[in-house]
């Protein structure tokens, strides 16, 4: 691609961003975010003019493409907040205002504050993922086993179905998590690459965008611009800060696609194995009774563990999870029983 074509592509991207900023400003009319997005629209148009000068030719009149029109229509209908991931992928910035309370959220006032706020923000999600992964495996495979047990008392069939459910569910979870994290990482790498190029092309405009974000969150305009310029002066810190403040992304939370896939596989498999274990040691009605007992205890324990994230009563969350699991298991057992009678 020639330099002129590349510059025209940059012009189109900035004009598309400006168009979406104005739509977002209209959707947020009457809020502090409206001023932020309208200011970002002006900055995007300024950056588009830089690309146009580099192209050495007068660009055509901008007309939003189909994708931009579709996203704009969704923003008008639902607002920007639910569409943050889509907007980031379309080179829209300033979305960290939806991750922090504004105004009133503490904003950094020095470079040291920026560093402090960004340290120690990763992690904490692994335990939550493990709890919910085990819960998914437990509920889905227990329901499957009860459904099969309702249709047939054959221990071999129940075992085969349970193992198949464990493997199918665990591989499905692993594949889904791999694709999700891989896609997130690819999007982040693409966006951070764009930010790196823009820092080299027009650092002053990038500082102005960052200052608009800090000002929208309560920092005085002059202080916001001073802080933003100090951040942009350090390329490494600038990229990290822009990823968080402009893109609303936390690079430290992306994780490894393979690591997440393996972790999801193991946590789901651990949960799915619990209701299946009794059928390896005993058979018949006794195995089913023990399986139900093990599942009930595990459901209550997982519900109590979930209370760590909800802040509610462990007893309440434990009983709620037990009730949900019991309802799912009873329903699949009845369906299996009806199917077993109908097919016999």
C-alpha atoms as a PDB file:
ATOM      1  CA  UNK A   1       0.000   0.000   0.000  1.00  0.00           C
ATOM      2  CA  UNK A   2       1.389   3.433  -0.972  1.00  0.00           C
ATOM      3  CA  UNK A   3       1.927   6.244   1.534  1.00  0.00           C
ATOM      4  CA  UNK A   4      -0.943   8.212   0.003  1.00  0.00           C
ATOM      5  CA  UNK A   5      -3.363   5.282   0.319  1.00  0.00           C
ATOM      6  CA  UNK A   6      -2.242   4.673   3.896  1.00  0.00           C
ATOM      7  CA  UNK A   7      -2.848   8.340   4.740  1.00  0.00           C
ATOM      8  CA  UNK A   8      -6.308   8.200   3.183  1.00  0.00           C
ATOM      9  CA  UNK A   9      -7.085   5.124   5.289  1.00  0.00           C
ATOM     10  CA  UNK A  10      -5.978   7.085   8.371  1.00  0.00           C
ATOM     11  CA  UNK A  11      -8.235   9.964   7.303  1.00  0.00           C
ATOM     12  CA  UNK A  12     -11.214   7.617   6.905  1.00  0.00           C
ATOM     13  CA  UNK A  13     -10.628   6.039  10.327  1.00  0.00           C
ATOM     14  CA  UNK A  14     -10.441   9.406  12.070  1.00  0.00           C
ATOM     15  CA  UNK A  15     -13.524  10.721  10.265  1.00  0.00           C
ATOM     16  CA  UNK A  16     -15.419   7.558  11.182  1.00  0.00           C
ATOM     17  CA  UNK A  17     -14.361   8.015  14.806  1.00  0.00           C
ATOM     18  CA  UNK A  18     -15.472  11.667  14.715  1.00  0.00           C
ATOM     19  CA  UNK A  19     -18.857  10.603  13.320  1.00  0.00           C
ATOM     20  CA  UNK A  20     -19.334   8.033  16.095  1.00  0.00           C
ATOM     21  CA  UNK A  21     -18.176  10.499  18.790  1.00  0.00           C
ATOM     22  CA  UNK A  22     -20.868  12.927  17.694  1.00  0.00           C
ATOM     23  CA  UNK A  23     -23.504  10.187  17.761  1.00  0.00           C
ATOM     24  CA  UNK A  24     -22.312   9.208  21.251  1.00  0.00           C
ATOM     25  CA  UNK A  25     -22.426  12.853  22.334  1.00  0.00           C
ATOM     26  CA  UNK A  26     -26.032  13.074  21.160  1.00  0.00           C
ATOM     27  CA  UNK A  27     -26.893   9.843  22.986  1.00  0.00           C
ATOM     28  CA  UNK A  28     -25.305  11.217  26.190  1.00  0.00           C
ATOM     29  CA  UNK A  29     -26.891  14.655  25.848  1.00  0.00           C
ATOM     30  CA  UNK A  30     -27.223  16.386  29.199  1.00  0.00           C
ATOM     31  CA  UNK A  31     -24.391  14.419  30.881  1.00  0.00           C
ATOM     32  CA  UNK A  32     -20.709  15.313  31.439  1.00  0.00           C
ATOM     33  CA  UNK A  33     -19.829  12.562  28.952  1.00  0.00           C
ATOM     34  CA  UNK A  34     -21.500  14.479  26.102  1.00  0.00           C
ATOM     35  CA  UNK A  35     -18.893  17.243  26.334  1.00  0.00           C
ATOM     36  CA  UNK A  36     -16.109  14.662  26.384  1.00  0.00           C
ATOM     37  CA  UNK A  37     -17.312  12.895  23.230  1.00  0.00           C
ATOM     38  CA  UNK A  38     -17.926  16.135  21.345  1.00  0.00           C
ATOM     39  CA  UNK A  39     -14.418  17.262  22.300  1.00  0.00           C
ATOM     40  CA  UNK A  40     -13.009  13.944  21.089  1.00  0.00           C
ATOM     41  CA  UNK A  41     -14.912  14.420  17.810  1.00  0.00           C
ATOM     42  CA  UNK A  42     -13.108  17.721  17.281  1.00  0.00           C
ATOM     43  CA  UNK A  43      -9.746  16.095  18.048  1.00  0.00           C
ATOM     44  CA  UNK A  44     -10.482  13.234  15.631  1.00  0.00           C
ATOM     45  CA  UNK A  45     -11.325  15.751  12.905  1.00  0.00           C
ATOM     46  CA  UNK A  46      -8.056  17.584  13.617  1.00  0.00           C
ATOM     47  CA  UNK A  47      -6.158  14.308  13.265  1.00  0.00           C
ATOM     48  CA  UNK A  48      -8.047  13.559  10.045  1.00  0.00           C
ATOM     49  CA  UNK A  49      -6.782  16.854   8.623  1.00  0.00           C
ATOM     50  CA  UNK A  50      -3.214  15.783   9.422  1.00  0.00           C
ATOM     51  CA  UNK A  51      -3.742  12.546   7.493  1.00  0.00           C
ATOM     52  CA  UNK A  52      -5.282  14.502   4.615  1.00  0.00           C
ATOM     53  CA  UNK A  53      -2.235  16.777   4.392  1.00  0.00           C
ATOM     54  CA  UNK A  54       0.034  13.723   4.359  1.00  0.00           C
ATOM     55  CA  UNK A  55      -2.013  12.216   1.528  1.00  0.00           C
ATOM     56  CA  UNK A  56      -1.199  15.253  -0.603  1.00  0.00           C
ATOM     57  CA  UNK A  57      -4.669  15.340  -2.062  1.00  0.00           C
ATOM     58  CA  UNK A  58      -8.093  16.650  -1.135  1.00  0.00           C
ATOM     59  CA  UNK A  59     -10.006  13.706   0.316  1.00  0.00           C
ATOM     60  CA  UNK A  60     -13.560  13.043  -0.835  1.00  0.00           C
ATOM     61  CA  UNK A  61     -16.506  14.127   1.273  1.00  0.00           C
ATOM     62  CA  UNK A  62     -16.807  11.676   4.148  1.00  0.00           C
ATOM     63  CA  UNK A  63     -19.790   9.324   4.153  1.00  0.00           C
ATOM     64  CA  UNK A  64     -20.137   6.711   6.942  1.00  0.00           C
ATOM     65  CA  UNK A  65     -19.796   3.146   5.701  1.00  0.00           C
ATOM     66  CA  UNK A  66     -22.359   0.438   6.444  1.00  0.00           C
ATOM     67  CA  UNK A  67     -20.572  -0.742   9.591  1.00  0.00           C
ATOM     68  CA  UNK A  68     -20.387   2.785  11.014  1.00  0.00           C
ATOM     69  CA  UNK A  69     -24.082   3.381  10.246  1.00  0.00           C
ATOM     70  CA  UNK A  70     -25.060   0.128  11.947  1.00  0.00           C
ATOM     71  CA  UNK A  71     -23.026   0.894  15.082  1.00  0.00           C
ATOM     72  CA  UNK A  72     -24.359   4.464  15.148  1.00  0.00           C
ATOM     73  CA  UNK A  73     -27.921   3.140  14.996  1.00  0.00           C
ATOM     74  CA  UNK A  74     -27.210   0.762  17.895  1.00  0.00           C
ATOM     75  CA  UNK A  75     -25.649   3.581  19.940  1.00  0.00           C
ATOM     76  CA  UNK A  76     -28.727   5.754  19.363  1.00  0.00           C
ATOM     77  CA  UNK A  77     -30.962   2.857  20.406  1.00  0.00           C
ATOM     78  CA  UNK A  78     -29.065   1.444  23.393  1.00  0.00           C
ATOM     79  CA  UNK A  79     -26.458   4.067  24.302  1.00  0.00           C
ATOM     80  CA  UNK A  80     -22.651   3.720  24.187  1.00  0.00           C
ATOM     81  CA  UNK A  81     -22.164   1.723  27.400  1.00  0.00           C
ATOM     82  CA  UNK A  82     -23.382  -1.718  26.156  1.00  0.00           C
ATOM     83  CA  UNK A  83     -21.396  -1.290  22.936  1.00  0.00           C
ATOM     84  CA  UNK A  84     -18.002  -0.523  24.467  1.00  0.00           C
ATOM     85  CA  UNK A  85     -16.224  -3.538  22.950  1.00  0.00           C
ATOM     86  CA  UNK A  86     -17.589  -2.760  19.474  1.00  0.00           C
ATOM     87  CA  UNK A  87     -16.676   0.917  19.776  1.00  0.00           C
ATOM     88  CA  UNK A  88     -13.113   0.175  20.890  1.00  0.00           C
ATOM     89  CA  UNK A  89     -12.658  -2.060  17.843  1.00  0.00           C
ATOM     90  CA  UNK A  90     -13.783   0.894  15.686  1.00  0.00           C
ATOM     91  CA  UNK A  91     -11.096   3.209  17.107  1.00  0.00           C
ATOM     92  CA  UNK A  92     -13.353   5.058  19.530  1.00  0.00           C
ATOM     93  CA  UNK A  93     -11.607   6.360  22.643  1.00  0.00           C
ATOM     94  CA  UNK A  94     -12.585   7.707  26.051  1.00  0.00           C
ATOM     95  CA  UNK A  95     -14.546   4.616  27.059  1.00  0.00           C
ATOM     96  CA  UNK A  96     -12.869   4.410  30.471  1.00  0.00           C
ATOM     97  CA  UNK A  97     -15.540   6.893  31.621  1.00  0.00           C
ATOM     98  CA  UNK A  98     -17.856   3.878  31.731  1.00  0.00           C
ATOM     99  CA  UNK A  99     -15.422   1.935  33.921  1.00  0.00           C
ATOM    100  CA  UNK A 100     -15.096   4.647  36.572  1.00  0.00           C
ATOM    101  CA  UNK A 101     -17.653   6.720  38.351  1.00  0.00           C
ATOM    102  CA  UNK A 102     -17.609  10.274  37.047  1.00  0.00           C
ATOM    103  CA  UNK A 103     -17.618  12.844  38.389  1.00  0.00           C
ATOM    104  CA  UNK A 104     -16.298  12.044  41.830  1.00  0.00           C
ATOM    105  CA  UNK A 105     -14.000   9.162  40.927  1.00  0.00           C
ATOM    106  CA  UNK A 106     -10.466   9.896  42.140  1.00  0.00           C
ATOM    107  CA  UNK A 107      -8.337  10.943  39.196  1.00  0.00           C
ATOM    108  CA  UNK A 108      -4.531  11.042  39.137  1.00  0.00           C
ATOM    109  CA  UNK A 109      -2.950  14.440  39.588  1.00  0.00           C
ATOM    110  CA  UNK A 110       0.718  13.413  39.194  1.00  0.00           C
ATOM    111  CA  UNK A 111       2.712  10.862  37.230  1.00  0.00           C
ATOM    112  CA  UNK A 112       3.285   8.949  40.463  1.00  0.00           C
ATOM    113  CA  UNK A 113      -0.477   8.736  40.994  1.00  0.00           C
ATOM    114  CA  UNK A 114      -0.844   7.224  37.533  1.00  0.00           C
ATOM    115  CA  UNK A 115       1.714   4.546  38.374  1.00  0.00           C
ATOM    116  CA  UNK A 116       0.137   3.760  41.736  1.00  0.00           C
ATOM    117  CA  UNK A 117      -3.344   3.424  40.307  1.00  0.00           C
ATOM    118  CA  UNK A 118      -2.132   1.045  37.635  1.00  0.00           C
ATOM    119  CA  UNK A 119      -0.151  -1.220  39.945  1.00  0.00           C
ATOM    120  CA  UNK A 120      -1.791  -4.231  41.497  1.00  0.00           C
ATOM    121  CA  UNK A 121      -4.984  -4.032  39.449  1.00  0.00           C
ATOM    122  CA  UNK A 122      -4.602  -7.396  37.788  1.00  0.00           C
ATOM    123  CA  UNK A 123      -5.477 -10.787  39.191  1.00  0.00           C
ATOM    124  CA  UNK A 124      -8.382 -11.648  41.449  1.00  0.00           C
ATOM    125  CA  UNK A 125     -10.367 -13.109  38.582  1.00  0.00           C
ATOM    126  CA  UNK A 126      -8.891 -16.612  38.669  1.00  0.00           C
ATOM    127  CA  UNK A 127     -10.709 -17.647  41.843  1.00  0.00           C
ATOM    128  CA  UNK A 128     -13.996 -16.348  40.511  1.00  0.00           C
ATOM    129  CA  UNK A 129     -13.464 -18.151  37.184  1.00  0.00           C
ATOM    130  CA  UNK A 130     -12.628 -21.377  39.033  1.00  0.00           C
ATOM    131  CA  UNK A 131     -15.764 -21.224  41.191  1.00  0.00           C
ATOM    132  CA  UNK A 132     -18.072 -20.590  38.255  1.00  0.00           C
ATOM    133  CA  UNK A 133     -16.291 -23.144  36.061  1.00  0.00           C
ATOM    134  CA  UNK A 134     -16.742 -25.854  38.695  1.00  0.00           C
ATOM    135  CA  UNK A 135     -20.370 -24.791  39.137  1.00  0.00           C
ATOM    136  CA  UNK A 136     -21.066 -25.057  35.404  1.00  0.00           C
ATOM    137  CA  UNK A 137     -19.563 -28.533  35.249  1.00  0.00           C
ATOM    138  CA  UNK A 138     -21.395 -29.718  38.348  1.00  0.00           C
ATOM    139  CA  UNK A 139     -24.863 -28.495  37.363  1.00  0.00           C
ATOM    140  CA  UNK A 140     -24.683 -29.521  33.708  1.00  0.00           C
ATOM    141  CA  UNK A 141     -23.287 -33.014  34.270  1.00  0.00           C
ATOM    142  CA  UNK A 142     -25.433 -33.740  37.327  1.00  0.00           C
ATOM    143  CA  UNK A 143     -28.491 -32.802  35.271  1.00  0.00           C
ATOM    144  CA  UNK A 144     -27.301 -35.014  32.418  1.00  0.00           C
ATOM    145  CA  UNK A 145     -26.673 -37.962  34.734  1.00  0.00           C
ATOM    146  CA  UNK A 146     -30.081 -37.588  36.389  1.00  0.00           C
ATOM    147  CA  UNK A 147     -31.771 -37.350  33.009  1.00  0.00           C
ATOM    148  CA  UNK A 148     -30.083 -40.533  31.804  1.00  0.00           C
ATOM    149  CA  UNK A 149     -30.780 -42.261  35.132  1.00  0.00           C
ATOM    150  CA  UNK A 150     -34.444 -41.377  34.757  1.00  0.00           C
ATOM    151  CA  UNK A 151     -34.507 -43.115  31.374  1.00  0.00           C
ATOM    152  CA  UNK A 152     -32.310 -46.103  32.234  1.00  0.00           C
ATOM    153  CA  UNK A 153     -30.940 -47.741  35.367  1.00  0.00           C
ATOM    154  CA  UNK A 154     -28.043 -49.283  33.426  1.00  0.00           C
ATOM    155  CA  UNK A 155     -24.852 -48.261  35.240  1.00  0.00           C
ATOM    156  CA  UNK A 156     -22.714 -48.523  32.100  1.00  0.00           C
ATOM    157  CA  UNK A 157     -24.991 -46.207  30.140  1.00  0.00           C
ATOM    158  CA  UNK A 158     -24.982 -43.650  32.970  1.00  0.00           C
ATOM    159  CA  UNK A 159     -21.187 -43.804  33.206  1.00  0.00           C
ATOM    160  CA  UNK A 160     -20.734 -43.474  29.462  1.00  0.00           C
ATOM    161  CA  UNK A 161     -23.137 -40.527  29.317  1.00  0.00           C
ATOM    162  CA  UNK A 162     -21.475 -38.822  32.280  1.00  0.00           C
ATOM    163  CA  UNK A 163     -17.974 -39.178  30.851  1.00  0.00           C
ATOM    164  CA  UNK A 164     -19.186 -37.952  27.470  1.00  0.00           C
ATOM    165  CA  UNK A 165     -20.881 -34.964  29.130  1.00  0.00           C
ATOM    166  CA  UNK A 166     -17.734 -34.154  31.106  1.00  0.00           C
ATOM    167  CA  UNK A 167     -15.477 -34.236  28.046  1.00  0.00           C
ATOM    168  CA  UNK A 168     -17.911 -32.437  25.734  1.00  0.00           C
ATOM    169  CA  UNK A 169     -18.577 -29.684  28.246  1.00  0.00           C
ATOM    170  CA  UNK A 170     -14.929 -29.249  29.247  1.00  0.00           C
ATOM    171  CA  UNK A 171     -13.719 -29.067  25.637  1.00  0.00           C
ATOM    172  CA  UNK A 172     -16.542 -26.666  24.775  1.00  0.00           C
ATOM    173  CA  UNK A 173     -15.634 -24.397  27.689  1.00  0.00           C
ATOM    174  CA  UNK A 174     -11.939 -24.523  26.802  1.00  0.00           C
ATOM    175  CA  UNK A 175     -12.565 -23.741  23.139  1.00  0.00           C
ATOM    176  CA  UNK A 176     -14.916 -20.887  23.972  1.00  0.00           C
ATOM    177  CA  UNK A 177     -12.503 -19.308  26.436  1.00  0.00           C
ATOM    178  CA  UNK A 178      -9.578 -19.710  24.035  1.00  0.00           C
ATOM    179  CA  UNK A 179     -11.433 -17.943  21.214  1.00  0.00           C
ATOM    180  CA  UNK A 180     -12.671 -15.218  23.563  1.00  0.00           C
ATOM    181  CA  UNK A 181      -9.258 -14.409  25.066  1.00  0.00           C
ATOM    182  CA  UNK A 182      -7.447 -14.784  21.736  1.00  0.00           C
ATOM    183  CA  UNK A 183      -9.892 -12.333  20.149  1.00  0.00           C
ATOM    184  CA  UNK A 184      -9.494  -9.888  23.039  1.00  0.00           C
ATOM    185  CA  UNK A 185      -5.722 -10.053  22.790  1.00  0.00           C
ATOM    186  CA  UNK A 186      -5.731  -9.590  19.017  1.00  0.00           C
ATOM    187  CA  UNK A 187      -8.024  -6.592  19.371  1.00  0.00           C
ATOM    188  CA  UNK A 188      -5.812  -5.120  22.080  1.00  0.00           C
ATOM    189  CA  UNK A 189      -2.636  -5.676  20.071  1.00  0.00           C
ATOM    190  CA  UNK A 190      -4.222  -4.006  17.032  1.00  0.00           C
ATOM    191  CA  UNK A 191      -5.487  -1.034  19.030  1.00  0.00           C
ATOM    192  CA  UNK A 192      -2.251  -0.533  20.929  1.00  0.00           C
ATOM    193  CA  UNK A 193      -0.427  -0.644  17.586  1.00  0.00           C
ATOM    194  CA  UNK A 194      -2.675   2.159  16.342  1.00  0.00           C
ATOM    195  CA  UNK A 195      -1.965   4.146  19.505  1.00  0.00           C
ATOM    196  CA  UNK A 196       1.784   3.670  19.030  1.00  0.00           C
ATOM    197  CA  UNK A 197       1.563   4.985  15.470  1.00  0.00           C
ATOM    198  CA  UNK A 198      -0.560   7.942  16.522  1.00  0.00           C
ATOM    199  CA  UNK A 199       1.840   8.861  19.319  1.00  0.00           C
ATOM    200  CA  UNK A 200       4.582   9.067  16.701  1.00  0.00           C
ATOM    201  CA  UNK A 201       2.368  10.968  14.222  1.00  0.00           C
ATOM    202  CA  UNK A 202       0.696  13.550  16.472  1.00  0.00           C
ATOM    203  CA  UNK A 203       1.623  13.386  20.176  1.00  0.00           C
ATOM    204  CA  UNK A 204       0.068  16.789  20.939  1.00  0.00           C
ATOM    205  CA  UNK A 205      -3.348  15.643  19.716  1.00  0.00           C
ATOM    206  CA  UNK A 206      -3.062  12.430  21.751  1.00  0.00           C
ATOM    207  CA  UNK A 207      -2.269  14.510  24.841  1.00  0.00           C
ATOM    208  CA  UNK A 208      -5.350  16.642  24.133  1.00  0.00           C
ATOM    209  CA  UNK A 209      -7.560  13.534  23.940  1.00  0.00           C
ATOM    210  CA  UNK A 210      -6.202  12.225  27.237  1.00  0.00           C
ATOM    211  CA  UNK A 211      -6.692  15.629  28.851  1.00  0.00           C
ATOM    212  CA  UNK A 212     -10.335  15.629  27.751  1.00  0.00           C
ATOM    213  CA  UNK A 213     -10.850  12.298  29.514  1.00  0.00           C
ATOM    214  CA  UNK A 214      -9.279  13.503  32.771  1.00  0.00           C
ATOM    215  CA  UNK A 215     -11.242  16.762  32.596  1.00  0.00           C
ATOM    216  CA  UNK A 216     -14.499  14.834  32.099  1.00  0.00           C
ATOM    217  CA  UNK A 217     -13.722  12.918  35.280  1.00  0.00           C
ATOM    218  CA  UNK A 218     -13.342  16.060  37.385  1.00  0.00           C
ATOM    219  CA  UNK A 219      -9.755  17.317  36.997  1.00  0.00           C
ATOM    220  CA  UNK A 220      -9.285  21.010  36.242  1.00  0.00           C
ATOM    221  CA  UNK A 221      -8.723  21.597  32.522  1.00  0.00           C
ATOM    222  CA  UNK A 222      -5.256  23.117  32.938  1.00  0.00           C
ATOM    223  CA  UNK A 223      -4.134  20.385  35.331  1.00  0.00           C
ATOM    224  CA  UNK A 224      -5.542  17.703  33.060  1.00  0.00           C
ATOM    225  CA  UNK A 225      -3.606  19.012  30.051  1.00  0.00           C
ATOM    226  CA  UNK A 226      -0.398  19.353  32.061  1.00  0.00           C
ATOM    227  CA  UNK A 227      -0.674  15.777  33.362  1.00  0.00           C
ATOM    228  CA  UNK A 228      -1.554  14.406  29.927  1.00  0.00           C
ATOM    229  CA  UNK A 229       1.477  16.065  28.316  1.00  0.00           C
ATOM    230  CA  UNK A 230       3.750  14.669  31.036  1.00  0.00           C
ATOM    231  CA  UNK A 231       2.366  11.170  30.422  1.00  0.00           C
ATOM    232  CA  UNK A 232       2.705  11.411  26.631  1.00  0.00           C
ATOM    233  CA  UNK A 233       6.350  12.475  27.044  1.00  0.00           C
ATOM    234  CA  UNK A 234       7.176   8.930  28.237  1.00  0.00           C
ATOM    235  CA  UNK A 235       6.251   6.586  25.332  1.00  0.00           C
ATOM    236  CA  UNK A 236       6.119   3.402  27.432  1.00  0.00           C
ATOM    237  CA  UNK A 237       3.920   4.932  30.124  1.00  0.00           C
ATOM    238  CA  UNK A 238       1.874   6.723  27.477  1.00  0.00           C
ATOM    239  CA  UNK A 239       0.936   3.466  25.737  1.00  0.00           C
ATOM    240  CA  UNK A 240      -0.045   1.803  29.010  1.00  0.00           C
ATOM    241  CA  UNK A 241      -2.090   4.803  30.139  1.00  0.00           C
ATOM    242  CA  UNK A 242      -3.792   5.268  26.762  1.00  0.00           C
ATOM    243  CA  UNK A 243      -4.786   1.588  26.750  1.00  0.00           C
ATOM    244  CA  UNK A 244      -6.496   2.030  30.102  1.00  0.00           C
ATOM    245  CA  UNK A 245      -7.892   5.544  29.822  1.00  0.00           C
ATOM    246  CA  UNK A 246      -8.735   5.807  26.130  1.00  0.00           C
ATOM    247  CA  UNK A 247      -9.533   2.189  25.304  1.00  0.00           C
ATOM    248  CA  UNK A 248     -10.816   1.123  28.728  1.00  0.00           C
ATOM    249  CA  UNK A 249      -8.555  -1.962  28.507  1.00  0.00           C
ATOM    250  CA  UNK A 250      -6.373  -3.494  31.181  1.00  0.00           C
ATOM    251  CA  UNK A 251      -3.449  -5.262  29.453  1.00  0.00           C
ATOM    252  CA  UNK A 252      -2.705  -7.253  32.617  1.00  0.00           C
ATOM    253  CA  UNK A 253      -6.150  -8.876  32.620  1.00  0.00           C
ATOM    254  CA  UNK A 254      -5.985 -10.357  29.125  1.00  0.00           C
ATOM    255  CA  UNK A 255      -4.160 -13.520  30.133  1.00  0.00           C
ATOM    256  CA  UNK A 256      -2.854 -16.326  27.961  1.00  0.00           C
ATOM    257  CA  UNK A 257      -5.413 -17.946  25.613  1.00  0.00           C
ATOM    258  CA  UNK A 258      -3.920 -21.408  26.205  1.00  0.00           C
ATOM    259  CA  UNK A 259      -3.663 -20.832  29.949  1.00  0.00           C
ATOM    260  CA  UNK A 260      -7.303 -19.750  30.181  1.00  0.00           C
ATOM    261  CA  UNK A 261      -8.412 -22.675  27.993  1.00  0.00           C
ATOM    262  CA  UNK A 262      -6.599 -25.236  30.166  1.00  0.00           C
ATOM    263  CA  UNK A 263      -7.846 -23.602  33.366  1.00  0.00           C
ATOM    264  CA  UNK A 264     -11.445 -23.650  32.065  1.00  0.00           C
ATOM    265  CA  UNK A 265     -11.139 -27.288  30.996  1.00  0.00           C
ATOM    266  CA  UNK A 266      -9.852 -28.398  34.400  1.00  0.00           C
ATOM    267  CA  UNK A 267     -12.340 -26.384  36.486  1.00  0.00           C
ATOM    268  CA  UNK A 268     -15.327 -27.597  34.439  1.00  0.00           C
ATOM    269  CA  UNK A 269     -14.041 -31.192  34.510  1.00  0.00           C
ATOM    270  CA  UNK A 270     -13.581 -31.037  38.293  1.00  0.00           C
ATOM    271  CA  UNK A 271     -17.189 -29.989  38.770  1.00  0.00           C
ATOM    272  CA  UNK A 272     -18.516 -32.488  36.230  1.00  0.00           C
ATOM    273  CA  UNK A 273     -16.615 -35.342  37.886  1.00  0.00           C
ATOM    274  CA  UNK A 274     -18.287 -34.951  41.303  1.00  0.00           C
ATOM    275  CA  UNK A 275     -21.726 -36.430  40.471  1.00  0.00           C
ATOM    276  CA  UNK A 276     -20.072 -39.119  38.328  1.00  0.00           C
ATOM    277  CA  UNK A 277     -17.642 -40.548  40.904  1.00  0.00           C
ATOM    278  CA  UNK A 278     -20.154 -42.720  42.821  1.00  0.00           C
ATOM    279  CA  UNK A 279     -20.988 -44.653  39.644  1.00  0.00           C
ATOM    280  CA  UNK A 280     -17.354 -45.815  39.367  1.00  0.00           C
ATOM    281  CA  UNK A 281     -17.514 -47.442  42.823  1.00  0.00           C
ATOM    282  CA  UNK A 282     -21.114 -48.645  43.193  1.00  0.00           C
ATOM    283  CA  UNK A 283     -24.085 -49.250  40.927  1.00  0.00           C
ATOM    284  CA  UNK A 284     -27.852 -49.166  40.841  1.00  0.00           C
ATOM    285  CA  UNK A 285     -30.033 -47.011  43.051  1.00  0.00           C
ATOM    286  CA  UNK A 286     -27.331 -46.658  45.705  1.00  0.00           C
ATOM    287  CA  UNK A 287     -24.979 -44.930  43.238  1.00  0.00           C
ATOM    288  CA  UNK A 288     -27.734 -42.497  42.244  1.00  0.00           C
ATOM    289  CA  UNK A 289     -28.551 -41.658  45.872  1.00  0.00           C
ATOM    290  CA  UNK A 290     -24.872 -41.061  46.714  1.00  0.00           C
ATOM    291  CA  UNK A 291     -24.457 -38.983  43.541  1.00  0.00           C
ATOM    292  CA  UNK A 292     -27.416 -36.784  44.521  1.00  0.00           C
ATOM    293  CA  UNK A 293     -25.989 -36.352  48.029  1.00  0.00           C
ATOM    294  CA  UNK A 294     -22.511 -35.429  46.741  1.00  0.00           C
ATOM    295  CA  UNK A 295     -24.031 -33.019  44.228  1.00  0.00           C
ATOM    296  CA  UNK A 296     -26.205 -31.360  46.862  1.00  0.00           C
ATOM    297  CA  UNK A 297     -23.249 -30.801  49.191  1.00  0.00           C
ATOM    298  CA  UNK A 298     -21.117 -29.473  46.366  1.00  0.00           C
ATOM    299  CA  UNK A 299     -23.876 -27.111  45.170  1.00  0.00           C
ATOM    300  CA  UNK A 300     -24.283 -25.675  48.660  1.00  0.00           C
ATOM    301  CA  UNK A 301     -20.498 -25.251  49.020  1.00  0.00           C
ATOM    302  CA  UNK A 302     -20.225 -23.498  45.648  1.00  0.00           C
ATOM    303  CA  UNK A 303     -23.134 -21.214  46.497  1.00  0.00           C
ATOM    304  CA  UNK A 304     -21.437 -20.325  49.766  1.00  0.00           C
ATOM    305  CA  UNK A 305     -18.202 -19.628  47.858  1.00  0.00           C
ATOM    306  CA  UNK A 306     -20.067 -17.340  45.453  1.00  0.00           C
ATOM    307  CA  UNK A 307     -21.074 -15.231  48.464  1.00  0.00           C
ATOM    308  CA  UNK A 308     -17.421 -14.111  48.567  1.00  0.00           C
ATOM    309  CA  UNK A 309     -18.118 -12.170  45.361  1.00  0.00           C
ATOM    310  CA  UNK A 310     -21.665 -11.027  46.134  1.00  0.00           C
ATOM    311  CA  UNK A 311     -21.085  -9.931  49.731  1.00  0.00           C
ATOM    312  CA  UNK A 312     -24.330 -11.656  50.738  1.00  0.00           C
ATOM    313  CA  UNK A 313     -25.000 -14.375  53.296  1.00  0.00           C
ATOM    314  CA  UNK A 314     -23.152 -17.650  52.634  1.00  0.00           C
ATOM    315  CA  UNK A 315     -26.190 -19.593  53.880  1.00  0.00           C
ATOM    316  CA  UNK A 316     -28.525 -17.675  51.568  1.00  0.00           C
ATOM    317  CA  UNK A 317     -26.331 -18.113  48.491  1.00  0.00           C
ATOM    318  CA  UNK A 318     -25.659 -21.754  49.348  1.00  0.00           C
ATOM    319  CA  UNK A 319     -29.359 -22.581  49.667  1.00  0.00           C
ATOM    320  CA  UNK A 320     -30.175 -20.635  46.504  1.00  0.00           C
ATOM    321  CA  UNK A 321     -27.595 -22.566  44.486  1.00  0.00           C
ATOM    322  CA  UNK A 322     -28.863 -25.828  45.974  1.00  0.00           C
ATOM    323  CA  UNK A 323     -32.436 -24.935  44.974  1.00  0.00           C
ATOM    324  CA  UNK A 324     -31.410 -24.011  41.415  1.00  0.00           C
ATOM    325  CA  UNK A 325     -29.425 -27.225  40.990  1.00  0.00           C
ATOM    326  CA  UNK A 326     -32.217 -29.312  42.498  1.00  0.00           C
ATOM    327  CA  UNK A 327     -34.752 -27.797  40.122  1.00  0.00           C
ATOM    328  CA  UNK A 328     -32.534 -28.433  37.090  1.00  0.00           C
ATOM    329  CA  UNK A 329     -31.806 -32.013  38.185  1.00  0.00           C
ATOM    330  CA  UNK A 330     -35.429 -32.830  39.017  1.00  0.00           C
ATOM    331  CA  UNK A 331     -36.648 -31.467  35.690  1.00  0.00           C
ATOM    332  CA  UNK A 332     -34.125 -33.454  33.630  1.00  0.00           C
ATOM    333  CA  UNK A 333     -34.854 -36.595  35.668  1.00  0.00           C
ATOM    334  CA  UNK A 334     -38.587 -36.285  34.962  1.00  0.00           C
ATOM    335  CA  UNK A 335     -37.940 -35.666  31.268  1.00  0.00           C
ATOM    336  CA  UNK A 336     -35.592 -38.674  31.160  1.00  0.00           C
ATOM    337  CA  UNK A 337     -38.205 -40.799  32.925  1.00  0.00           C
ATOM    338  CA  UNK A 338     -40.888 -39.801  30.411  1.00  0.00           C
ATOM    339  CA  UNK A 339     -38.577 -40.430  27.476  1.00  0.00           C
ATOM    340  CA  UNK A 340     -37.548 -43.785  28.929  1.00  0.00           C
ATOM    341  CA  UNK A 341     -41.176 -44.872  29.261  1.00  0.00           C
ATOM    342  CA  UNK A 342     -42.038 -43.570  25.815  1.00  0.00           C
ATOM    343  CA  UNK A 343     -39.125 -45.356  24.122  1.00  0.00           C
ATOM    344  CA  UNK A 344     -39.481 -48.659  25.972  1.00  0.00           C
END
